[in-house]
């Protein structure tokens, strides 16, 4: 069994009710609808706050006994959905990973790929990742195990991936966050002959893109948030793919915080099932248009949402278009 840094062992044989999948969509819909009111208005904190508040209220209607293990921060930093917070009406004991608004800056600017994201697993199913950076690499399903490795050079990984896909390196597309810290990786990828897709924000969608053929993305590479890494791993557990991650520490305070959360080896390279194991569910609703989901479309008296929900047990992926009537929908799920 894969090692986990959670203090609570995974409950063996635990089955998560599949009906919870639709409940998770209702949660992400609520957050996306609330955040969409702030799209393009230049206030990322207001957009994030609206999403957090709406998601928290939506969770109050879900029949789970959930513990937030990936959230908005610590109890003294975040009033809602903080790490360790208990949520739900009562029911099966589960771990919850949330990003009420993945892409706060993108939302504020009206850019692409912002979405509300939730993942669920049995207790002990998620890596308890502190809110620091994580170095990541991911590829899609149907490839030989270990085809790419976080410790290898971009050129070596691209060569092996092209060989496995029976194509030329020049046909491969690598997705990275558009950040100065990735300059050397970008230079190496281009020198190897591959093409690059730079995204401004939203590395959950960036990682998941490797498992969606229509995006044209073959590999995700680079550093981004560790909580987002766990959420992306949950998605890949459901739809297939390979991923590795390593926590990146900037100071001793971060090392100490990670140790408190159970991380004993700061240099450990985590595999997909080290980050998300057991029966996992993943749901997301688009806030702005992106490669993965369409954004919220608001009109007088209502809105249309576009969501995805998936389960690792069945491998089923469902896209859901929700038509919301604000005249009849509870106000908690509108604003």
Protein backbone atom coordinates (compact mmCIF):
# COMPACT_ATOMS: atom_id res chain seq x y z
CA UNK A 1 0.00 0.00 0.00
CA UNK A 2 1.30 3.47 -0.85
CA UNK A 3 2.58 5.46 2.10
CA UNK A 4 0.55 8.47 3.17
CA UNK A 5 1.45 11.35 5.44
CA UNK A 6 -2.03 11.41 6.97
CA UNK A 7 -2.27 10.56 10.66
CA UNK A 8 -5.50 8.68 9.92
CA UNK A 9 -5.17 5.41 8.00
CA UNK A 10 -7.31 4.82 4.96
CA UNK A 11 -10.41 2.91 5.97
CA UNK A 12 -10.11 -0.47 4.20
CA UNK A 13 -12.98 -1.50 1.98
CA UNK A 14 -14.80 1.77 2.46
CA UNK A 15 -17.20 2.52 -0.40
CA UNK A 16 -18.20 6.11 -1.11
CA UNK A 17 -21.84 6.44 -2.17
CA UNK A 18 -21.89 7.27 -5.87
CA UNK A 19 -24.87 9.56 -5.31
CA UNK A 20 -22.46 11.96 -3.63
CA UNK A 21 -21.07 12.76 -7.08
CA UNK A 22 -24.08 14.89 -7.98
CA UNK A 23 -23.97 16.53 -4.55
CA UNK A 24 -20.38 17.58 -5.24
CA UNK A 25 -21.49 19.16 -8.51
CA UNK A 26 -24.09 21.20 -6.62
CA UNK A 27 -21.29 22.41 -4.35
CA UNK A 28 -19.02 23.49 -7.22
CA UNK A 29 -21.98 25.06 -9.05
CA UNK A 30 -22.74 27.22 -6.02
CA UNK A 31 -19.13 28.44 -5.81
CA UNK A 32 -18.89 29.09 -9.55
CA UNK A 33 -22.17 31.03 -9.64
CA UNK A 34 -21.04 33.23 -6.76
CA UNK A 35 -17.58 33.86 -8.23
CA UNK A 36 -18.99 34.64 -11.66
CA UNK A 37 -20.53 37.86 -10.35
CA UNK A 38 -16.98 39.15 -9.90
CA UNK A 39 -15.64 38.08 -13.28
CA UNK A 40 -13.61 40.87 -14.88
CA UNK A 41 -14.18 43.31 -12.01
CA UNK A 42 -10.54 43.41 -10.91
CA UNK A 43 -11.04 42.19 -7.34
CA UNK A 44 -9.66 38.68 -6.94
CA UNK A 45 -10.18 38.65 -3.16
CA UNK A 46 -13.87 39.45 -3.50
CA UNK A 47 -14.26 36.73 -6.14
CA UNK A 48 -12.49 34.18 -3.94
CA UNK A 49 -14.44 35.22 -0.84
CA UNK A 50 -17.75 34.84 -2.65
CA UNK A 51 -16.79 31.37 -3.89
CA UNK A 52 -15.62 30.24 -0.44
CA UNK A 53 -18.78 31.47 1.27
CA UNK A 54 -21.08 29.83 -1.29
CA UNK A 55 -19.18 26.53 -1.23
CA UNK A 56 -19.25 26.44 2.56
CA UNK A 57 -23.03 26.94 2.64
CA UNK A 58 -23.53 24.32 -0.05
CA UNK A 59 -21.54 21.76 1.94
CA UNK A 60 -23.96 22.31 4.83
CA UNK A 61 -26.58 20.45 2.76
CA UNK A 62 -24.43 17.39 1.90
CA UNK A 63 -24.86 14.13 3.87
CA UNK A 64 -21.21 13.59 4.83
CA UNK A 65 -19.01 13.96 7.88
CA UNK A 66 -16.17 15.65 6.06
CA UNK A 67 -12.81 16.98 7.15
CA UNK A 68 -11.11 19.60 4.99
CA UNK A 69 -7.52 18.45 4.36
CA UNK A 70 -6.82 20.75 1.40
CA UNK A 71 -8.45 24.12 1.91
CA UNK A 72 -8.14 27.88 2.09
CA UNK A 73 -5.45 27.86 4.78
CA UNK A 74 -5.21 27.46 8.54
CA UNK A 75 -8.03 28.26 10.97
CA UNK A 76 -6.38 31.58 11.95
CA UNK A 77 -5.90 32.54 8.28
CA UNK A 78 -9.24 31.50 6.76
CA UNK A 79 -12.70 31.92 8.31
CA UNK A 80 -14.19 29.10 6.23
CA UNK A 81 -13.03 25.88 4.60
CA UNK A 82 -9.79 25.95 6.58
CA UNK A 83 -7.66 22.85 6.97
CA UNK A 84 -9.17 20.70 9.70
CA UNK A 85 -12.66 22.21 9.45
CA UNK A 86 -15.54 19.77 9.81
CA UNK A 87 -18.27 20.12 7.18
CA UNK A 88 -21.47 18.38 6.12
CA UNK A 89 -24.79 17.27 7.61
CA UNK A 90 -23.41 13.99 8.91
CA UNK A 91 -22.76 10.71 7.15
CA UNK A 92 -19.69 8.78 5.95
CA UNK A 93 -16.34 10.02 7.24
CA UNK A 94 -14.48 11.46 4.27
CA UNK A 95 -11.59 13.78 3.47
CA UNK A 96 -12.33 16.84 1.36
CA UNK A 97 -9.96 18.80 -0.87
CA UNK A 98 -11.27 22.12 -2.15
CA UNK A 99 -10.26 25.06 -4.28
CA UNK A 100 -13.39 27.23 -4.30
CA UNK A 101 -11.87 29.40 -7.02
CA UNK A 102 -8.94 27.96 -8.94
CA UNK A 103 -7.71 31.02 -10.83
CA UNK A 104 -8.56 34.06 -8.70
CA UNK A 105 -6.47 36.46 -10.78
CA UNK A 106 -7.84 34.98 -13.98
CA UNK A 107 -11.38 35.58 -12.75
CA UNK A 108 -10.61 39.16 -11.79
CA UNK A 109 -9.23 39.81 -15.27
CA UNK A 110 -11.88 37.83 -17.15
CA UNK A 111 -9.26 35.37 -18.38
CA UNK A 112 -9.58 31.64 -19.15
CA UNK A 113 -9.65 28.40 -17.14
CA UNK A 114 -11.04 29.61 -13.79
CA UNK A 115 -13.18 27.01 -12.03
CA UNK A 116 -14.49 25.79 -8.68
CA UNK A 117 -13.03 22.42 -7.68
CA UNK A 118 -13.80 19.73 -5.07
CA UNK A 119 -12.41 16.24 -4.50
CA UNK A 120 -13.51 13.61 -1.99
CA UNK A 121 -11.85 10.46 -0.68
CA UNK A 122 -12.15 8.09 2.29
CA UNK A 123 -10.38 9.27 5.45
CA UNK A 124 -6.62 9.25 4.88
CA UNK A 125 -7.01 9.26 1.09
CA UNK A 126 -5.32 12.60 0.35
CA UNK A 127 -1.80 13.83 0.89
CA UNK A 128 -1.99 16.55 3.54
CA UNK A 129 -0.06 19.07 1.48
CA UNK A 130 0.83 22.43 3.02
CA UNK A 131 0.14 25.59 1.02
CA UNK A 132 3.55 25.76 -0.65
CA UNK A 133 4.88 25.06 -4.12
CA UNK A 134 5.12 21.61 -5.63
CA UNK A 135 7.22 20.56 -8.63
CA UNK A 136 5.00 18.51 -10.95
CA UNK A 137 5.09 16.38 -14.06
CA UNK A 138 2.10 14.62 -15.61
CA UNK A 139 1.15 12.69 -18.74
CA UNK A 140 -2.06 11.04 -19.90
CA UNK A 141 -3.33 7.44 -19.78
CA UNK A 142 -2.33 4.45 -21.89
CA UNK A 143 1.45 4.90 -21.53
CA UNK A 144 4.07 2.54 -20.03
CA UNK A 145 4.54 3.05 -16.29
CA UNK A 146 7.32 5.48 -15.43
CA UNK A 147 7.52 6.89 -18.95
CA UNK A 148 8.43 10.30 -17.48
CA UNK A 149 10.27 11.13 -14.29
CA UNK A 150 10.52 14.33 -12.27
CA UNK A 151 14.27 13.78 -11.84
CA UNK A 152 14.98 13.50 -15.57
CA UNK A 153 15.69 16.39 -17.93
CA UNK A 154 12.88 17.76 -20.11
CA UNK A 155 14.76 16.52 -23.18
CA UNK A 156 14.94 12.95 -21.84
CA UNK A 157 11.29 12.93 -20.80
CA UNK A 158 10.21 14.28 -24.18
CA UNK A 159 12.30 11.73 -26.03
CA UNK A 160 10.79 8.83 -24.06
CA UNK A 161 7.27 10.21 -24.40
CA UNK A 162 7.63 10.67 -28.16
CA UNK A 163 8.93 7.11 -28.45
CA UNK A 164 5.99 5.73 -26.48
CA UNK A 165 3.49 7.72 -28.54
CA UNK A 166 5.25 6.75 -31.78
CA UNK A 167 5.59 10.35 -32.85
CA UNK A 168 8.21 13.07 -33.19
CA UNK A 169 9.15 15.37 -30.34
CA UNK A 170 8.07 18.26 -32.57
CA UNK A 171 4.51 16.91 -32.39
CA UNK A 172 4.40 17.07 -28.59
CA UNK A 173 2.88 19.97 -26.62
CA UNK A 174 4.00 20.76 -23.06
CA UNK A 175 1.81 22.90 -20.78
CA UNK A 176 3.40 25.16 -18.16
CA UNK A 177 2.36 28.10 -16.03
CA UNK A 178 3.66 31.34 -17.54
CA UNK A 179 6.12 32.21 -14.78
CA UNK A 180 9.69 33.54 -14.69
CA UNK A 181 10.72 30.53 -12.60
CA UNK A 182 10.08 28.31 -15.63
CA UNK A 183 12.46 30.07 -18.02
CA UNK A 184 15.06 27.30 -17.95
CA UNK A 185 12.45 24.59 -18.46
CA UNK A 186 10.94 26.52 -21.36
CA UNK A 187 14.36 26.95 -22.93
CA UNK A 188 15.10 23.22 -22.58
CA UNK A 189 11.73 22.18 -24.01
CA UNK A 190 12.15 24.41 -27.05
CA UNK A 191 15.73 23.24 -27.54
CA UNK A 192 14.44 19.65 -27.60
CA UNK A 193 12.03 20.63 -30.37
CA UNK A 194 8.68 20.38 -28.58
CA UNK A 195 5.94 22.99 -28.60
CA UNK A 196 4.70 24.88 -25.54
CA UNK A 197 1.34 26.03 -24.20
CA UNK A 198 1.78 28.71 -21.54
CA UNK A 199 -1.19 29.34 -19.24
CA UNK A 200 -1.59 32.37 -16.93
CA UNK A 201 -3.20 30.44 -14.04
CA UNK A 202 -5.14 27.28 -13.33
CA UNK A 203 -2.69 24.42 -13.12
CA UNK A 204 -5.40 21.95 -12.05
CA UNK A 205 -6.89 22.35 -15.52
CA UNK A 206 -3.36 22.28 -16.97
CA UNK A 207 -2.60 18.89 -15.42
CA UNK A 208 -6.00 17.41 -16.28
CA UNK A 209 -5.52 18.53 -19.89
CA UNK A 210 -2.97 15.75 -20.43
CA UNK A 211 -5.78 13.20 -20.10
CA UNK A 212 -8.15 15.01 -22.48
CA UNK A 213 -7.13 14.36 -26.10
CA UNK A 214 -9.11 17.32 -27.41
CA UNK A 215 -6.80 19.76 -25.58
CA UNK A 216 -3.74 18.65 -27.56
CA UNK A 217 -1.58 18.68 -24.39
CA UNK A 218 0.88 15.78 -24.02
CA UNK A 219 2.74 16.72 -20.84
CA UNK A 220 2.39 19.10 -17.91
CA UNK A 221 5.59 20.36 -16.30
CA UNK A 222 6.66 22.89 -13.70
CA UNK A 223 5.91 24.16 -10.22
CA UNK A 224 2.59 25.34 -8.86
CA UNK A 225 0.60 25.09 -5.66
CA UNK A 226 0.85 21.83 -3.72
CA UNK A 227 -2.89 21.85 -2.84
CA UNK A 228 -3.68 22.19 -6.55
CA UNK A 229 -1.32 19.25 -7.16
CA UNK A 230 -3.40 17.04 -4.88
CA UNK A 231 -6.62 18.11 -6.60
CA UNK A 232 -5.11 17.38 -10.01
CA UNK A 233 -3.94 13.98 -8.79
CA UNK A 234 -7.50 13.21 -7.67
CA UNK A 235 -8.75 13.98 -11.18
CA UNK A 236 -6.10 11.82 -12.84
CA UNK A 237 -6.97 8.94 -10.50
CA UNK A 238 -10.44 9.07 -12.03
CA UNK A 239 -9.61 9.46 -15.73
CA UNK A 240 -6.16 7.90 -15.96
CA UNK A 241 -2.68 9.23 -16.34
CA UNK A 242 0.63 9.46 -14.53
CA UNK A 243 1.84 12.19 -12.20
CA UNK A 244 4.73 12.88 -9.84
CA UNK A 245 5.18 15.73 -7.41
CA UNK A 246 7.76 16.99 -4.93
CA UNK A 247 7.22 19.67 -2.30
CA UNK A 248 9.39 22.76 -2.69
CA UNK A 249 10.34 24.49 0.55
CA UNK A 250 11.41 28.14 0.68
CA UNK A 251 12.27 28.41 4.38
CA UNK A 252 12.45 26.52 7.67
CA UNK A 253 9.00 27.70 8.67
CA UNK A 254 7.52 25.82 5.72
CA UNK A 255 9.55 22.73 6.61
CA UNK A 256 8.27 22.86 10.18
CA UNK A 257 4.67 23.33 9.02
CA UNK A 258 4.94 20.34 6.69
CA UNK A 259 6.39 18.24 9.49
CA UNK A 260 3.37 19.11 11.66
CA UNK A 261 1.15 17.81 8.84
CA UNK A 262 3.01 14.50 8.76
CA UNK A 263 5.62 15.10 6.03
CA UNK A 264 8.73 13.34 7.30
CA UNK A 265 10.79 13.32 4.10
CA UNK A 266 11.03 16.78 2.52
CA UNK A 267 12.69 15.41 -0.62
CA UNK A 268 10.19 12.67 -1.29
CA UNK A 269 8.89 12.22 -4.82
CA UNK A 270 5.16 11.49 -4.58
CA UNK A 271 3.38 9.31 -7.10
CA UNK A 272 -0.23 9.60 -8.14
CA UNK A 273 -1.58 7.24 -5.47
CA UNK A 274 0.59 8.83 -2.79
CA UNK A 275 -1.37 12.03 -3.37
CA UNK A 276 -4.85 10.59 -3.91
CA UNK A 277 -5.80 6.99 -3.11
CA UNK A 278 -8.84 4.90 -2.37
CA UNK A 279 -12.18 5.60 -4.03
CA UNK A 280 -11.87 9.19 -5.20
CA UNK A 281 -14.46 11.59 -6.61
CA UNK A 282 -13.68 14.85 -8.41
CA UNK A 283 -16.00 17.64 -9.51
CA UNK A 284 -15.43 21.05 -11.07
CA UNK A 285 -17.59 23.82 -12.51
CA UNK A 286 -16.25 26.42 -14.91
CA UNK A 287 -16.27 30.06 -13.86
CA UNK A 288 -14.69 31.39 -17.04
CA UNK A 289 -14.32 29.64 -20.39
CA UNK A 290 -11.41 27.23 -20.72
CA UNK A 291 -10.13 24.14 -22.49
CA UNK A 292 -11.74 21.90 -19.87
CA UNK A 293 -15.05 23.65 -19.11
CA UNK A 294 -17.23 26.50 -20.31
CA UNK A 295 -17.71 29.38 -17.92
CA UNK A 296 -20.88 30.58 -16.22
CA UNK A 297 -23.25 32.33 -18.61
CA UNK A 298 -25.49 34.71 -16.69
CA UNK A 299 -28.68 36.28 -18.00
CA UNK A 300 -31.70 38.05 -16.52
CA UNK A 301 -33.14 35.78 -13.83
CA UNK A 302 -30.77 32.86 -14.22
CA UNK A 303 -27.54 31.30 -15.43
CA UNK A 304 -26.10 28.26 -17.19
CA UNK A 305 -23.19 26.29 -15.70
CA UNK A 306 -20.94 23.62 -17.19
CA UNK A 307 -19.46 21.00 -14.86
CA UNK A 308 -17.50 17.76 -14.88
CA UNK A 309 -17.77 14.96 -12.32
CA UNK A 310 -15.84 11.69 -12.21
CA UNK A 311 -15.20 8.66 -10.03
CA UNK A 312 -12.05 6.54 -9.78
CA UNK A 313 -14.01 3.34 -9.06
CA UNK A 314 -15.91 3.32 -12.36
CA UNK A 315 -13.77 5.67 -14.44
CA UNK A 316 -16.99 7.36 -15.52
CA UNK A 317 -16.75 11.00 -16.59
CA UNK A 318 -19.92 13.05 -16.84
CA UNK A 319 -20.35 16.57 -18.18
CA UNK A 320 -23.35 18.37 -16.72
CA UNK A 321 -24.98 21.51 -18.04
CA UNK A 322 -27.04 23.16 -15.33
CA UNK A 323 -29.80 25.68 -16.05
CA UNK A 324 -30.45 27.76 -12.92
CA UNK A 325 -33.62 29.76 -12.28
CA UNK A 326 -32.84 32.41 -9.68
CA UNK A 327 -36.54 32.95 -8.99
CA UNK A 328 -36.84 29.47 -7.49
CA UNK A 329 -33.27 28.57 -6.53
CA UNK A 330 -32.38 29.13 -2.83
CA UNK A 331 -30.60 32.47 -2.44
CA UNK A 332 -27.63 30.74 -0.80
CA UNK A 333 -26.76 29.21 -4.17
CA UNK A 334 -27.27 32.31 -6.29
CA UNK A 335 -25.21 35.20 -4.94
